[in-house]
N, C-alpha and C. Protein backbone atom coordinates (compact mmCIF):
# COMPACT_ATOMS: atom_id res chain seq x y z
N UNK A 1 0.82 -1.43 0.16
CA UNK A 1 -0.16 -0.02 0.07
C UNK A 1 0.90 1.34 -0.03
N UNK A 2 2.10 1.19 0.28
CA UNK A 2 3.31 2.01 0.40
C UNK A 2 3.31 2.80 -0.91
N UNK A 3 2.82 2.57 -2.02
CA UNK A 3 2.50 3.02 -3.25
C UNK A 3 1.60 4.06 -3.40
N UNK A 4 0.42 4.21 -3.06
CA UNK A 4 -0.62 4.72 -2.87
C UNK A 4 -0.77 6.13 -2.38
N UNK A 5 -1.84 6.75 -3.21
CA UNK A 5 -1.77 8.03 -2.59
C UNK A 5 -2.37 7.70 -1.01
N UNK A 6 -2.78 9.11 0.07
CA UNK A 6 -3.51 8.98 0.55
C UNK A 6 -4.28 8.62 0.76
N UNK A 7 -5.42 9.13 -0.14
CA UNK A 7 -6.96 9.15 -0.35
C UNK A 7 -7.46 7.88 -0.73
N UNK A 8 -6.03 6.95 -1.66
CA UNK A 8 -6.42 5.76 -2.27
C UNK A 8 -5.99 4.76 -1.07
N UNK A 9 -4.81 5.20 -0.16
CA UNK A 9 -5.09 4.15 1.00
C UNK A 9 -6.13 4.50 1.54
N UNK A 10 -6.61 4.89 2.00
CA UNK A 10 -7.42 5.11 2.90
C UNK A 10 -8.88 4.09 2.77
N UNK A 11 -9.34 4.67 0.57
CA UNK A 11 -9.85 3.82 0.53
C UNK A 11 -10.25 2.13 0.30
N UNK A 12 -8.74 2.30 0.37
CA UNK A 12 -8.40 0.84 0.48
C UNK A 12 -8.75 0.21 1.73
N UNK A 13 -8.25 0.89 2.58
CA UNK A 13 -8.28 0.34 4.50
C UNK A 13 -9.30 0.39 5.05
N UNK A 14 -10.35 1.20 3.99
CA UNK A 14 -12.21 1.45 5.11
C UNK A 14 -12.89 0.52 4.09
N UNK A 15 -14.03 0.77 4.09
CA UNK A 15 -15.15 0.07 3.77
C UNK A 15 -15.04 -0.41 2.14
N UNK A 16 -14.25 0.19 1.46
CA UNK A 16 -14.33 -0.05 -0.12
C UNK A 16 -12.98 -0.85 -0.07
N UNK A 17 -12.58 -2.07 0.06
CA UNK A 17 -11.66 -2.41 -0.11
C UNK A 17 -11.66 -3.22 -1.44
N UNK A 18 -10.28 -3.07 -1.43
CA UNK A 18 -9.52 -3.81 -3.42
C UNK A 18 -8.58 -4.84 -2.80
N UNK A 19 -8.64 -6.22 -3.73
CA UNK A 19 -7.77 -6.63 -3.70
C UNK A 19 -7.10 -6.53 -4.54
N UNK A 20 -5.67 -6.84 -4.36
CA UNK A 20 -4.69 -6.91 -5.71
C UNK A 20 -3.60 -8.34 -5.42
N UNK A 21 -3.52 -8.64 -6.42
CA UNK A 21 -2.35 -10.29 -6.29
C UNK A 21 -1.21 -9.47 -7.85
N UNK A 22 -0.62 -9.74 -6.90
CA UNK A 22 0.92 -10.01 -8.09
C UNK A 22 1.61 -11.43 -8.17
N UNK A 23 1.72 -11.84 -9.23
CA UNK A 23 2.47 -13.49 -9.07
C UNK A 23 3.77 -13.12 -9.75
N UNK A 24 4.61 -13.85 -9.74
CA UNK A 24 5.98 -14.25 -10.57
C UNK A 24 5.83 -15.97 -10.38
N UNK A 25 5.52 -16.85 -12.08
CA UNK A 25 5.98 -17.76 -11.82
C UNK A 25 6.54 -18.43 -13.34
N UNK A 26 7.58 -18.95 -12.90
CA UNK A 26 8.61 -19.68 -14.01
C UNK A 26 8.06 -20.73 -14.28
N UNK A 27 7.86 -20.52 -15.98
CA UNK A 27 7.35 -21.40 -16.63
C UNK A 27 8.27 -21.94 -18.05
N UNK A 28 8.29 -23.11 -18.73
CA UNK A 28 9.32 -23.80 -19.43
C UNK A 28 9.24 -23.11 -20.71
N UNK A 29 8.78 -22.28 -20.98
CA UNK A 29 8.98 -21.36 -22.07
C UNK A 29 8.40 -20.11 -22.08
N UNK A 30 8.76 -19.12 -23.06
CA UNK A 30 8.04 -18.11 -23.22
C UNK A 30 6.95 -17.81 -23.73
N UNK A 31 5.76 -17.59 -23.41
CA UNK A 31 4.51 -17.02 -23.56
C UNK A 31 4.65 -16.43 -25.00
N UNK A 32 4.02 -16.39 -26.00
CA UNK A 32 3.56 -15.52 -27.22
C UNK A 32 1.94 -14.48 -26.68
N UNK A 33 2.01 -13.54 -27.55
CA UNK A 33 0.56 -13.02 -27.78
C UNK A 33 -0.70 -14.20 -27.07
N UNK A 34 -0.76 -15.09 -27.93
CA UNK A 34 -1.72 -15.93 -28.21
C UNK A 34 -1.54 -16.53 -27.05
N UNK A 35 -0.41 -16.93 -26.23
CA UNK A 35 -0.55 -17.64 -25.16
C UNK A 35 -1.35 -16.94 -24.08
N UNK A 36 -0.70 -15.53 -24.10
CA UNK A 36 -1.39 -14.84 -22.65
C UNK A 36 -2.26 -14.33 -22.71
N UNK A 37 -3.30 -14.29 -24.40
CA UNK A 37 -4.78 -13.95 -24.51
C UNK A 37 -5.61 -15.47 -23.98
N UNK A 38 -4.93 -16.82 -24.22
CA UNK A 38 -5.46 -18.00 -23.89
C UNK A 38 -5.49 -17.89 -22.39
N UNK A 39 -4.48 -17.39 -21.74
CA UNK A 39 -4.31 -17.37 -20.05
C UNK A 39 -5.17 -16.50 -19.21
N UNK A 40 -5.30 -15.29 -20.09
CA UNK A 40 -6.35 -14.17 -19.34
C UNK A 40 -7.40 -14.50 -19.53
N UNK A 41 -7.85 -15.08 -20.81
CA UNK A 41 -9.42 -15.79 -20.91
C UNK A 41 -9.66 -17.13 -19.75
N UNK A 42 -8.62 -17.59 -19.67
CA UNK A 42 -9.12 -18.98 -18.42
C UNK A 42 -8.41 -17.93 -17.23
N UNK A 43 -8.27 -17.20 -17.34
CA UNK A 43 -8.22 -16.40 -15.65
C UNK A 43 -9.90 -15.80 -15.22
N UNK A 44 -10.19 -15.76 -16.56
CA UNK A 44 -11.59 -14.61 -16.50
C UNK A 44 -12.50 -15.65 -16.42
N UNK A 45 -12.50 -16.97 -17.29
CA UNK A 45 -13.55 -18.10 -16.39
C UNK A 45 -13.47 -18.30 -15.31
N UNK A 46 -12.05 -18.36 -14.71
CA UNK A 46 -12.55 -18.80 -13.50
C UNK A 46 -12.86 -17.99 -12.84
N UNK A 47 -12.98 -16.27 -12.84
CA UNK A 47 -13.27 -15.10 -11.65
C UNK A 47 -14.69 -15.74 -12.17
N UNK A 48 -14.95 -15.56 -13.29
CA UNK A 48 -16.71 -15.63 -13.60
C UNK A 48 -17.58 -17.08 -13.22
N UNK A 49 -16.69 -17.80 -13.01
CA UNK A 49 -17.01 -19.18 -12.50
C UNK A 49 -17.09 -19.14 -11.12
N UNK A 50 -16.86 -18.27 -10.15
CA UNK A 50 -16.90 -18.38 -9.05
C UNK A 50 -18.33 -18.74 -8.40
N UNK A 51 -18.38 -19.29 -7.36
CA UNK A 51 -19.40 -19.43 -6.79
C UNK A 51 -20.24 -18.86 -6.41
N UNK A 52 -19.69 -17.16 -5.93
CA UNK A 52 -20.54 -16.35 -5.48
C UNK A 52 -20.55 -14.78 -6.63
N UNK A 53 -20.83 -15.26 -7.50
CA UNK A 53 -20.56 -14.55 -9.08
C UNK A 53 -22.15 -14.86 -9.74
N UNK A 54 -23.19 -13.93 -9.85
CA UNK A 54 -24.11 -14.63 -10.16
C UNK A 54 -24.10 -14.01 -11.19
N UNK A 55 -23.51 -12.90 -11.81
CA UNK A 55 -23.58 -12.40 -13.63
C UNK A 55 -22.18 -11.84 -13.30
N UNK A 56 -21.46 -12.07 -14.46
CA UNK A 56 -20.02 -11.79 -14.92
C UNK A 56 -19.71 -10.78 -16.56
N UNK A 57 -19.62 -9.79 -16.49
CA UNK A 57 -19.32 -9.43 -18.18
C UNK A 57 -17.53 -9.16 -18.76
N UNK A 58 -17.05 -9.63 -19.15
CA UNK A 58 -15.85 -9.89 -19.54
C UNK A 58 -15.70 -8.84 -20.75
N UNK A 59 -14.65 -8.10 -20.88
CA UNK A 59 -14.39 -7.19 -22.09
C UNK A 59 -13.36 -8.03 -23.00
N UNK A 60 -13.19 -7.70 -24.02
CA UNK A 60 -12.22 -8.02 -24.85
C UNK A 60 -10.49 -8.07 -24.41
N UNK A 61 -10.36 -9.18 -24.65
CA UNK A 61 -8.86 -8.76 -24.77
C UNK A 61 -7.78 -7.66 -25.07
N UNK A 62 -6.95 -7.19 -24.34
CA UNK A 62 -5.61 -6.14 -25.52
C UNK A 62 -4.70 -6.45 -25.04
N UNK A 63 -4.06 -5.41 -25.81
CA UNK A 63 -2.62 -5.39 -25.26
C UNK A 63 -2.24 -4.26 -24.75
N UNK A 64 -0.95 -4.70 -23.96
CA UNK A 64 -0.83 -3.09 -23.05
C UNK A 64 0.94 -3.33 -22.65
N UNK A 65 1.66 -2.65 -22.11
CA UNK A 65 3.05 -2.89 -21.84
C UNK A 65 2.92 -3.47 -20.36
N UNK A 66 3.09 -4.12 -19.87
CA UNK A 66 3.76 -3.92 -18.75
C UNK A 66 4.80 -4.31 -18.36
N UNK A 67 5.96 -3.49 -17.57
CA UNK A 67 7.45 -4.05 -17.35
C UNK A 67 8.35 -4.43 -18.64
N UNK A 68 7.86 -3.21 -19.18
CA UNK A 68 8.89 -3.05 -20.53
C UNK A 68 8.68 -4.22 -21.43
N UNK A 69 7.73 -5.36 -21.81
CA UNK A 69 7.01 -5.76 -22.17
C UNK A 69 6.19 -6.04 -22.78
N UNK A 70 4.98 -6.41 -24.03
CA UNK A 70 4.07 -6.33 -24.02
C UNK A 70 3.20 -7.86 -23.58
N UNK A 71 2.39 -7.06 -22.65
CA UNK A 71 1.62 -8.24 -22.29
C UNK A 71 0.21 -8.16 -22.68
N UNK A 72 -1.00 -9.07 -21.95
CA UNK A 72 -2.10 -8.77 -22.16
C UNK A 72 -3.06 -8.55 -21.26
N UNK A 73 -4.16 -7.77 -21.67
CA UNK A 73 -5.06 -7.54 -19.95
C UNK A 73 -6.48 -7.86 -20.56
N UNK A 74 -7.01 -7.40 -19.75
CA UNK A 74 -8.73 -7.55 -19.93
C UNK A 74 -9.44 -6.95 -18.58
N UNK A 75 -10.23 -6.36 -18.85
CA UNK A 75 -11.32 -6.13 -17.81
C UNK A 75 -12.26 -6.24 -17.63
N UNK A 76 -13.19 -6.62 -16.57
CA UNK A 76 -15.00 -6.95 -16.06
C UNK A 76 -15.44 -6.49 -15.45
N UNK A 77 -16.60 -6.84 -15.50
CA UNK A 77 -17.74 -6.26 -14.00
C UNK A 77 -17.77 -7.40 -13.99
N UNK A 78 -19.18 -7.70 -12.86
CA UNK A 78 -19.24 -8.77 -11.84
C UNK A 78 -20.34 -8.15 -11.04
N UNK A 79 -21.73 -8.86 -10.91
CA UNK A 79 -22.32 -8.94 -9.45
C UNK A 79 -22.81 -10.01 -8.72
N UNK A 80 -22.21 -10.12 -7.33
CA UNK A 80 -22.24 -11.13 -6.49
C UNK A 80 -23.40 -11.80 -5.93
N UNK A 81 -23.16 -12.78 -5.58
CA UNK A 81 -24.95 -13.30 -5.11
C UNK A 81 -25.72 -12.32 -4.10
N UNK A 82 -24.64 -11.31 -3.43
CA UNK A 82 -24.86 -10.66 -2.49
C UNK A 82 -25.70 -9.30 -3.12
N UNK A 83 -25.80 -9.40 -4.18
CA UNK A 83 -25.81 -8.17 -4.64
C UNK A 83 -24.89 -6.95 -5.24
N UNK A 84 -23.61 -7.42 -4.54
CA UNK A 84 -22.52 -6.02 -4.66
C UNK A 84 -21.64 -6.28 -5.93
N UNK A 85 -21.80 -4.69 -6.75
CA UNK A 85 -21.64 -4.62 -8.06
C UNK A 85 -19.64 -4.53 -8.04
N UNK A 86 -19.25 -5.54 -8.70
CA UNK A 86 -17.83 -4.95 -8.71
C UNK A 86 -16.72 -5.27 -9.77
N UNK A 87 -15.83 -4.97 -9.91
CA UNK A 87 -14.89 -4.81 -11.23
C UNK A 87 -13.40 -5.39 -10.91
N UNK A 88 -12.82 -5.70 -11.56
CA UNK A 88 -11.81 -5.25 -11.83
C UNK A 88 -10.46 -5.39 -13.49
N UNK A 89 -9.54 -5.68 -13.43
CA UNK A 89 -8.63 -6.00 -14.48
C UNK A 89 -7.66 -7.05 -14.06
N UNK A 90 -6.79 -7.69 -15.19
CA UNK A 90 -6.42 -8.80 -15.09
C UNK A 90 -4.91 -8.43 -16.21
N UNK A 91 -3.64 -8.51 -15.98
CA UNK A 91 -2.83 -8.50 -17.02
C UNK A 91 -1.73 -9.35 -16.86
N UNK A 92 -1.19 -10.15 -17.79
CA UNK A 92 0.09 -11.03 -17.65
C UNK A 92 0.89 -10.49 -18.64
N UNK A 93 2.37 -10.60 -18.39
CA UNK A 93 2.97 -10.99 -19.45
C UNK A 93 4.18 -11.85 -18.71
N UNK A 94 5.11 -12.39 -20.15
CA UNK A 94 6.34 -13.70 -20.35
C UNK A 94 7.15 -12.77 -20.52
N UNK A 95 8.51 -12.45 -19.76
CA UNK A 95 9.85 -12.18 -19.51
C UNK A 95 10.27 -13.43 -19.19
N UNK A 96 11.27 -13.26 -20.15
CA UNK A 96 12.78 -14.55 -19.76
C UNK A 96 12.08 -15.40 -19.20
N UNK A 97 11.02 -16.08 -19.57
CA UNK A 97 10.58 -17.95 -19.13
C UNK A 97 10.02 -17.05 -17.58
N UNK A 98 9.33 -16.06 -17.11
CA UNK A 98 8.66 -16.07 -16.09
C UNK A 98 7.35 -15.26 -16.49
N UNK A 99 6.47 -15.74 -15.83
CA UNK A 99 5.09 -15.18 -16.11
C UNK A 99 4.76 -14.25 -14.98
N UNK A 100 4.38 -13.03 -14.76
CA UNK A 100 4.33 -12.07 -14.11
C UNK A 100 2.47 -11.54 -14.73
N UNK A 101 1.87 -11.53 -12.98
CA UNK A 101 0.21 -11.46 -13.56
C UNK A 101 0.09 -9.84 -12.33
N UNK A 102 -0.89 -9.23 -13.42
CA UNK A 102 -1.26 -8.62 -11.67
C UNK A 102 -2.52 -8.37 -11.87
N UNK A 103 -3.23 -8.45 -10.74
CA UNK A 103 -5.08 -8.66 -10.56
C UNK A 103 -5.08 -7.60 -9.61
N UNK A 104 -6.59 -6.92 -10.12
CA UNK A 104 -7.24 -5.93 -9.39
C UNK A 104 -8.86 -6.03 -9.08
N UNK A 105 -9.19 -6.25 -8.12
CA UNK A 105 -10.93 -6.56 -7.76
C UNK A 105 -11.41 -5.25 -6.73
N UNK A 106 -12.11 -4.65 -6.76
CA UNK A 106 -12.46 -3.60 -6.32
C UNK A 106 -14.25 -2.94 -6.32
N UNK A 107 -14.54 -2.23 -5.71
CA UNK A 107 -15.88 -2.43 -5.85
C UNK A 107 -16.47 -1.40 -7.18
N UNK A 108 -17.25 -1.55 -7.81
CA UNK A 108 -17.56 -1.24 -9.29
C UNK A 108 -17.57 0.31 -9.30
N UNK A 109 -18.51 1.17 -8.14
CA UNK A 109 -18.70 2.63 -8.14
C UNK A 109 -16.79 3.30 -8.04
N UNK A 110 -16.05 2.26 -7.90
CA UNK A 110 -14.68 3.34 -7.55
C UNK A 110 -13.89 3.17 -8.79
N UNK A 111 -14.49 1.99 -9.85
CA UNK A 111 -13.15 1.67 -11.08
C UNK A 111 -12.56 2.71 -11.25
N UNK A 112 -12.50 3.93 -11.36
CA UNK A 112 -11.31 4.98 -11.75
C UNK A 112 -10.58 4.89 -11.09
N UNK A 113 -10.81 4.73 -9.72
CA UNK A 113 -9.69 5.33 -8.58
C UNK A 113 -9.21 3.78 -8.84
N UNK A 114 -9.24 2.67 -8.70
CA UNK A 114 -8.77 1.55 -8.59
C UNK A 114 -8.21 1.49 -9.96
N UNK A 115 -8.69 1.61 -11.16
CA UNK A 115 -7.64 1.47 -12.29
C UNK A 115 -6.38 2.07 -12.42
N UNK A 116 -6.73 3.70 -11.82
CA UNK A 116 -5.06 4.42 -11.80
C UNK A 116 -4.42 3.89 -10.69
N UNK A 117 -4.76 3.01 -9.50
CA UNK A 117 -4.20 2.23 -8.46
C UNK A 117 -3.25 1.25 -9.40
N UNK A 118 -4.01 0.65 -10.32
CA UNK A 118 -3.03 -0.52 -11.34
C UNK A 118 -2.47 -0.13 -11.82
N UNK A 119 -2.70 0.91 -12.30
CA UNK A 119 -1.52 1.47 -13.34
C UNK A 119 -0.41 1.88 -12.81
N UNK A 120 -0.34 2.63 -11.30
CA UNK A 120 0.57 3.10 -10.60
C UNK A 120 1.30 1.69 -10.18
N UNK A 121 0.55 0.65 -9.59
CA UNK A 121 1.63 -0.32 -9.56
C UNK A 121 2.19 -0.98 -11.07
N UNK A 122 1.24 -1.18 -11.47
CA UNK A 122 1.83 -1.66 -13.21
C UNK A 122 3.10 -1.10 -13.60
N UNK A 123 2.81 0.10 -13.66
CA UNK A 123 4.21 1.06 -13.83
C UNK A 123 5.38 0.84 -12.80
N UNK A 124 5.36 0.47 -11.51
CA UNK A 124 6.35 0.42 -10.32
C UNK A 124 7.17 -1.01 -10.85
N UNK A 125 6.06 -2.26 -11.24
CA UNK A 125 6.96 -3.59 -10.99
C UNK A 125 7.93 -3.18 -11.99
N UNK A 126 9.13 -4.59 -10.96
CA UNK A 126 10.12 -4.68 -12.22
C UNK A 126 10.56 -6.06 -11.98
N UNK A 127 11.27 -6.69 -13.03
CA UNK A 127 11.70 -7.75 -13.09
C UNK A 127 12.62 -8.07 -11.90
N UNK A 128 12.81 -9.41 -11.49
CA UNK A 128 13.59 -9.89 -10.79
C UNK A 128 14.66 -10.66 -11.02
N UNK A 129 15.53 -10.54 -11.22
CA UNK A 129 17.26 -11.51 -11.48
C UNK A 129 17.47 -12.50 -10.49
């Protein structure tokens, strides 16, 4: 949370929580754009198929740079079974046989704020050698 502004940090800490997941996984070969698109679509299927999701609307995949390499991302909106509307963005990139992922889940009413948070985190990510 140290990368966030005071306002964004307060929103995460109080009742408008977000979930941020950053992953790095070694893979046997580099993923190309098609592989990354498949991975993002698979993640969307998993998120949309969760037992607490009653409706799910993913976007098309698109490309965007992360960590200096072209990756694939998608957005989504969903409604949980308790009626809460949520949104999210996921992005993956593969660099030197390491698959990096960044995912954020947030209350739908705060999309712009949390997409900004996502952009700040994406911009600050570095590869680990």
